[in-house]
Amino acid sequence: MKLLLAVLLMLISTASYSDKIVHREKSLYRNIVVTEKAGKRCLVFSIKRQQRNQTCVDIDNPKHIVFAYVRMIFAGLLVNPNPTRGLMIGMGGGTISSVLTSIYPNLTMDLVEVDQAVVKVATDYFGFRKTNQIDVHVTDGRVFARRALRRKEQYDLIILDAFTGEYIPEHLMTVEFLENIKSLLTPGGVVIANTFSGSSLYHHESVTYSAVFGPLFSLKMPGTGNRVIVASTSDLPDNETLMANAMMLKPDFERYKIDLRKYVPKMNRDPDWKTDKRVLTDQYAPANLLRGR
């Protein structure tokens, strides 16, 4: 009877997908599923009531960047177009770090992922390869940041793209964590954070970043549901400088069919959030409550 029940549950679970499931496992942190459909291979986390793709690749054309939010993240390079030392928290399928190190041969990166299973899946199913430009660290992002501070590490590019499958882990959203991130940045360094554009958390998240970094760019594109925050330890460049940097980077990103120029008019520097909302701290980070409102 137990065996029959297990089989039935598996069939029900599988039937909820229109995609072909090519890999499934339960790691220490989440359920991980790799699916294929219409020539796309996708990594999915924490399947409960709905599936959420963390990353997708075009099987026949790996240089095609499937997700709009990934292309949006590269717009942060318009603030610092020549990074040499990068930190990325949250690996996904490894697409972002692979593209960056391809474009910037002198860039070295620390890639931080809490889940060893994600690293293996990225390698086995998404073409990620360790190189002499990328060091992979299997640890919590906040733990890594604190240790990096003790080592007096400095980065001119930091990308925050850690997700549980629901949203960003709460301890990676607070003012205390972001202060650590700011301390890791060089003068003129840039932090790029992938967030969502909906829910009441938007306002709390925005005032928290503003409390740490001051003025910031908020990039949203129609139909994505994502918002990319771009902030710096220096004054934000004007639109003329952003466009000049986009033109400079155009030949490098053309091979990925990304035109950074289109993001310049969308990089909003005026707050569109409620500035009187409470800052997220280690004592006040009710992300689970705010997300659904």
Protein backbone atom coordinates (compact mmCIF):
# COMPACT_ATOMS: atom_id res chain seq x y z
CA MET A 1 0.00 0.00 0.00
CA LYS A 2 2.81 2.42 0.91
CA LEU A 3 4.56 1.68 -2.37
CA LEU A 4 1.35 2.24 -4.33
CA LEU A 5 0.75 5.55 -2.55
CA ALA A 6 4.30 6.69 -3.30
CA VAL A 7 3.87 5.86 -6.99
CA LEU A 8 0.56 7.71 -7.15
CA LEU A 9 2.05 10.79 -5.50
CA MET A 10 4.94 10.76 -7.94
CA LEU A 11 2.57 10.53 -10.89
CA ILE A 12 0.47 13.40 -9.58
CA SER A 13 3.57 15.52 -9.07
CA THR A 14 4.92 14.73 -12.52
CA ALA A 15 1.57 15.33 -14.17
CA SER A 16 1.52 18.90 -12.83
CA TYR A 17 4.28 19.78 -15.30
CA SER A 18 3.87 20.19 -19.02
CA ASP A 19 7.68 20.12 -19.20
CA LYS A 20 9.83 17.02 -19.49
CA ILE A 21 11.62 16.42 -16.19
CA VAL A 22 15.23 15.39 -16.83
CA HIS A 23 16.49 15.60 -13.25
CA ARG A 24 14.96 15.86 -9.81
CA GLU A 25 16.51 15.83 -6.35
CA LYS A 26 15.93 17.10 -2.84
CA SER A 27 18.99 18.89 -1.53
CA LEU A 28 19.66 20.08 2.01
CA TYR A 29 17.96 23.39 1.18
CA ARG A 30 15.31 22.87 -1.48
CA ASN A 31 13.71 20.72 -4.12
CA ILE A 32 15.64 20.98 -7.38
CA VAL A 33 14.11 20.11 -10.74
CA VAL A 34 15.61 20.40 -14.22
CA THR A 35 13.02 20.56 -16.99
CA GLU A 36 13.04 20.74 -20.76
CA LYS A 37 10.43 22.22 -23.07
CA ALA A 38 10.50 23.79 -26.53
CA GLY A 39 14.28 23.70 -26.74
CA LYS A 40 14.78 25.31 -23.33
CA ARG A 41 16.34 23.66 -20.28
CA CYS A 42 15.35 25.23 -16.97
CA LEU A 43 16.38 25.00 -13.33
CA VAL A 44 13.45 25.12 -10.92
CA PHE A 45 13.56 25.55 -7.13
CA SER A 46 11.08 24.76 -4.34
CA ILE A 47 8.08 23.47 -6.21
CA LYS A 48 4.99 23.87 -4.08
CA ARG A 49 1.86 25.41 -5.52
CA GLN A 50 3.67 26.63 -8.61
CA GLN A 51 7.00 26.19 -10.30
CA ARG A 52 9.47 29.05 -10.58
CA ASN A 53 12.30 28.91 -13.08
CA GLN A 54 15.59 30.14 -11.63
CA THR A 55 17.46 29.97 -14.91
CA CYS A 56 16.91 28.68 -18.42
CA VAL A 57 19.25 28.01 -21.32
CA ASP A 58 18.60 27.61 -25.02
CA ILE A 59 19.84 24.09 -25.71
CA ASP A 60 20.68 24.77 -29.38
CA ASN A 61 22.06 28.27 -28.83
CA PRO A 62 23.72 28.59 -25.40
CA LYS A 63 24.72 32.21 -26.07
CA HIS A 64 21.07 33.20 -26.25
CA ILE A 65 20.17 34.75 -22.88
CA VAL A 66 16.67 33.43 -22.24
CA PHE A 67 15.59 35.51 -19.24
CA ALA A 68 15.07 39.27 -19.48
CA TYR A 69 16.22 39.77 -15.88
CA VAL A 70 19.66 38.37 -16.72
CA ARG A 71 20.03 40.91 -19.52
CA MET A 72 18.88 43.60 -17.09
CA ILE A 73 21.58 42.63 -14.58
CA PHE A 74 24.25 43.40 -17.17
CA ALA A 75 22.92 46.98 -17.32
CA GLY A 76 24.64 47.54 -13.98
CA LEU A 77 27.94 47.48 -15.87
CA LEU A 78 27.02 50.88 -17.29
CA VAL A 79 27.97 52.30 -13.88
CA ASN A 80 31.33 50.52 -13.85
CA PRO A 81 32.12 49.18 -17.33
CA ASN A 82 35.58 47.79 -16.57
CA PRO A 83 35.40 45.46 -13.55
CA THR A 84 38.44 43.40 -12.60
CA ARG A 85 37.34 41.71 -9.36
CA GLY A 86 33.82 40.38 -8.90
CA LEU A 87 31.69 38.72 -6.25
CA MET A 88 28.40 37.01 -7.04
CA ILE A 89 26.10 35.58 -4.38
CA GLY A 90 23.68 33.05 -5.85
CA MET A 91 24.75 30.80 -8.70
CA GLY A 92 21.67 29.54 -10.50
CA GLY A 93 22.89 27.83 -13.65
CA GLY A 94 26.12 29.84 -13.72
CA THR A 95 25.14 31.82 -16.83
CA ILE A 96 25.92 35.31 -15.50
CA SER A 97 29.42 34.55 -14.24
CA SER A 98 30.24 32.63 -17.43
CA VAL A 99 29.16 35.53 -19.65
CA LEU A 100 31.04 38.09 -17.57
CA THR A 101 34.32 36.19 -17.57
CA SER A 102 33.97 35.60 -21.31
CA ILE A 103 33.56 39.32 -21.96
CA TYR A 104 36.19 40.39 -19.42
CA PRO A 105 39.26 38.13 -19.70
CA ASN A 106 40.98 39.99 -16.85
CA LEU A 107 38.01 39.64 -14.49
CA THR A 108 38.30 37.19 -11.59
CA MET A 109 35.20 36.26 -9.62
CA ASP A 110 34.22 34.67 -6.34
CA LEU A 111 30.98 32.79 -7.00
CA VAL A 112 29.13 31.95 -3.79
CA GLU A 113 26.40 29.29 -3.62
CA VAL A 114 25.05 27.79 -0.40
CA ASP A 115 23.89 24.56 -2.02
CA GLN A 116 26.45 22.07 -3.36
CA ALA A 117 23.66 20.37 -5.31
CA VAL A 118 23.09 23.57 -7.32
CA VAL A 119 26.77 23.68 -8.26
CA LYS A 120 26.61 20.09 -9.49
CA VAL A 121 23.38 20.66 -11.43
CA ALA A 122 24.82 23.80 -13.05
CA THR A 123 27.83 21.75 -14.13
CA ASP A 124 25.94 18.66 -15.27
CA TYR A 125 22.98 20.31 -17.02
CA PHE A 126 23.79 23.96 -17.78
CA GLY A 127 27.31 23.87 -19.12
CA PHE A 128 28.94 25.68 -16.21
CA ARG A 129 32.68 25.14 -16.00
CA LYS A 130 35.13 26.25 -13.36
CA THR A 131 37.97 28.27 -14.86
CA ASN A 132 40.99 30.12 -13.57
CA GLN A 133 38.75 33.21 -13.53
CA ILE A 134 36.02 31.77 -11.29
CA ASP A 135 36.41 30.45 -7.74
CA VAL A 136 33.29 28.65 -6.49
CA HIS A 137 32.62 28.81 -2.74
CA VAL A 138 29.94 26.55 -1.26
CA THR A 139 28.82 28.56 1.75
CA ASP A 140 26.20 31.05 2.89
CA GLY A 141 26.52 34.44 1.22
CA ARG A 142 26.48 36.40 4.44
CA VAL A 143 29.09 34.16 6.04
CA PHE A 144 31.30 34.61 2.99
CA ALA A 145 30.89 38.40 3.11
CA ARG A 146 31.95 38.58 6.76
CA ARG A 147 34.98 36.39 6.13
CA ALA A 148 35.91 38.42 3.06
CA LEU A 149 35.85 41.57 5.17
CA ARG A 150 38.22 39.98 7.66
CA ARG A 151 40.52 39.10 4.77
CA LYS A 152 40.24 42.73 3.59
CA GLU A 153 38.93 41.66 0.20
CA GLN A 154 37.72 44.35 -2.19
CA TYR A 155 35.51 44.05 -5.26
CA ASP A 156 34.55 46.56 -7.94
CA LEU A 157 31.53 44.44 -8.97
CA ILE A 158 29.11 42.66 -6.64
CA ILE A 159 25.99 40.86 -7.90
CA LEU A 160 23.29 39.69 -5.50
CA ASP A 161 21.07 37.02 -7.07
CA ALA A 162 20.32 34.56 -4.27
CA PHE A 163 16.83 33.07 -4.23
CA THR A 164 15.19 30.30 -2.26
CA GLY A 165 12.56 29.67 -4.93
CA GLU A 166 10.14 31.97 -3.10
CA TYR A 167 12.23 35.11 -2.69
CA ILE A 168 15.57 36.42 -1.43
CA PRO A 169 16.65 34.88 1.91
CA GLU A 170 15.74 37.34 4.66
CA HIS A 171 19.25 37.59 6.11
CA LEU A 172 20.50 38.77 2.70
CA MET A 173 18.08 41.70 2.63
CA THR A 174 18.88 43.56 5.83
CA VAL A 175 20.77 46.78 6.39
CA GLU A 176 23.44 44.88 8.32
CA PHE A 177 24.16 42.61 5.36
CA LEU A 178 24.15 45.48 2.88
CA GLU A 179 26.59 47.43 5.06
CA ASN A 180 28.95 44.46 4.74
CA ILE A 181 28.48 44.49 0.98
CA LYS A 182 29.18 48.21 0.80
CA SER A 183 32.37 47.74 2.83
CA LEU A 184 33.56 45.15 0.31
CA LEU A 185 33.22 47.58 -2.60
CA THR A 186 36.09 49.61 -3.97
CA PRO A 187 35.63 53.35 -4.56
CA GLY A 188 33.49 53.50 -7.68
CA GLY A 189 32.46 49.87 -7.27
CA VAL A 190 28.93 48.81 -8.20
CA VAL A 191 26.41 46.49 -6.55
CA ILE A 192 23.69 44.94 -8.72
CA ALA A 193 20.75 43.22 -7.02
CA ASN A 194 18.00 41.21 -8.69
CA THR A 195 14.68 41.73 -6.90
CA PHE A 196 10.96 41.64 -7.73
CA SER A 197 8.84 44.64 -8.64
CA GLY A 198 5.65 43.56 -6.87
CA SER A 199 4.35 43.26 -3.27
CA SER A 200 4.72 45.56 -0.29
CA LEU A 201 8.26 44.29 0.22
CA TYR A 202 9.28 46.56 -2.67
CA HIS A 203 9.03 49.65 -0.47
CA HIS A 204 10.91 48.20 2.52
CA GLU A 205 13.59 46.79 0.27
CA SER A 206 14.05 50.10 -1.51
CA VAL A 207 14.41 52.20 1.63
CA THR A 208 16.89 49.65 3.00
CA TYR A 209 19.16 49.93 -0.04
CA SER A 210 18.79 53.71 0.04
CA ALA A 211 19.75 53.81 3.72
CA VAL A 212 23.03 52.07 2.93
CA PHE A 213 23.97 53.35 -0.52
CA GLY A 214 22.06 56.61 -0.89
CA PRO A 215 20.80 57.36 -4.43
CA LEU A 216 20.35 54.31 -6.62
CA PHE A 217 19.09 53.21 -10.00
CA SER A 218 15.89 51.17 -10.13
CA LEU A 219 15.58 49.31 -13.43
CA LYS A 220 12.28 47.76 -14.46
CA MET A 221 11.25 46.52 -17.88
CA PRO A 222 7.68 45.83 -19.02
CA GLY A 223 6.50 42.26 -18.63
CA THR A 224 9.38 40.98 -16.51
CA GLY A 225 8.16 41.24 -12.92
CA ASN A 226 11.76 41.93 -11.93
CA ARG A 227 13.44 45.05 -10.62
CA VAL A 228 17.23 45.38 -10.71
CA ILE A 229 18.77 47.71 -8.15
CA VAL A 230 22.06 49.34 -9.12
CA ALA A 231 24.03 51.30 -6.53
CA SER A 232 27.58 52.50 -6.10
CA THR A 233 30.07 53.81 -3.58
CA SER A 234 30.49 56.88 -5.83
CA ASP A 235 28.05 59.34 -7.38
CA LEU A 236 25.79 57.80 -9.98
CA PRO A 237 26.75 58.68 -13.57
CA ASP A 238 24.45 60.83 -15.69
CA ASN A 239 22.58 59.44 -18.68
CA GLU A 240 25.17 60.74 -21.12
CA THR A 241 27.87 58.70 -19.38
CA LEU A 242 25.61 55.64 -19.19
CA MET A 243 24.98 55.84 -22.93
CA ALA A 244 28.67 56.29 -23.69
CA ASN A 245 29.44 53.18 -21.64
CA ALA A 246 26.67 51.28 -23.43
CA MET A 247 28.22 52.20 -26.78
CA MET A 248 31.65 51.11 -25.55
CA LEU A 249 30.31 47.72 -24.42
CA LYS A 250 28.12 47.18 -27.49
CA PRO A 251 30.60 45.01 -29.47
CA ASP A 252 31.18 42.71 -26.49
CA PHE A 253 27.50 42.11 -25.77
CA GLU A 254 26.40 41.81 -29.40
CA ARG A 255 27.41 38.14 -29.46
CA TYR A 256 24.80 37.57 -26.73
CA LYS A 257 22.25 39.71 -28.59
CA ILE A 258 22.13 42.21 -25.71
CA ASP A 259 21.88 45.94 -26.43
CA LEU A 260 22.55 47.78 -23.18
CA ARG A 261 21.52 51.10 -24.72
CA LYS A 262 17.84 50.30 -24.31
CA TYR A 263 18.18 50.21 -20.52
CA VAL A 264 19.56 53.74 -20.13
CA PRO A 265 16.18 55.56 -20.26
CA LYS A 266 14.69 52.93 -17.91
CA MET A 267 17.29 53.38 -15.17
CA ASN A 268 15.17 55.46 -12.83
CA ARG A 269 16.99 57.45 -10.16
CA ASP A 270 13.84 58.99 -8.64
CA PRO A 271 12.24 57.04 -5.76
CA ASP A 272 8.98 55.37 -6.80
CA TRP A 273 8.57 53.77 -3.38
CA LYS A 274 7.12 54.92 -0.07
CA THR A 275 10.13 56.48 1.61
CA ASP A 276 8.59 56.37 5.09
CA LYS A 277 8.56 52.57 5.21
CA ARG A 278 10.63 50.79 7.82
CA VAL A 279 14.17 49.67 6.98
CA LEU A 280 14.77 45.91 7.05
CA THR A 281 17.15 44.85 9.83
CA ASP A 282 18.23 41.62 11.46
CA GLN A 283 15.53 42.30 14.06
CA TYR A 284 12.91 43.39 11.52
CA ALA A 285 12.87 41.36 8.30
CA PRO A 286 9.31 40.05 7.90
CA ALA A 287 9.76 39.07 4.27
CA ASN A 288 7.40 36.11 4.46
CA LEU A 289 4.57 38.33 5.66
CA LEU A 290 5.17 41.18 3.26
CA ARG A 291 5.64 39.11 0.11
CA GLY A 292 2.03 38.11 -0.23
CA ARG A 293 0.41 41.47 0.44
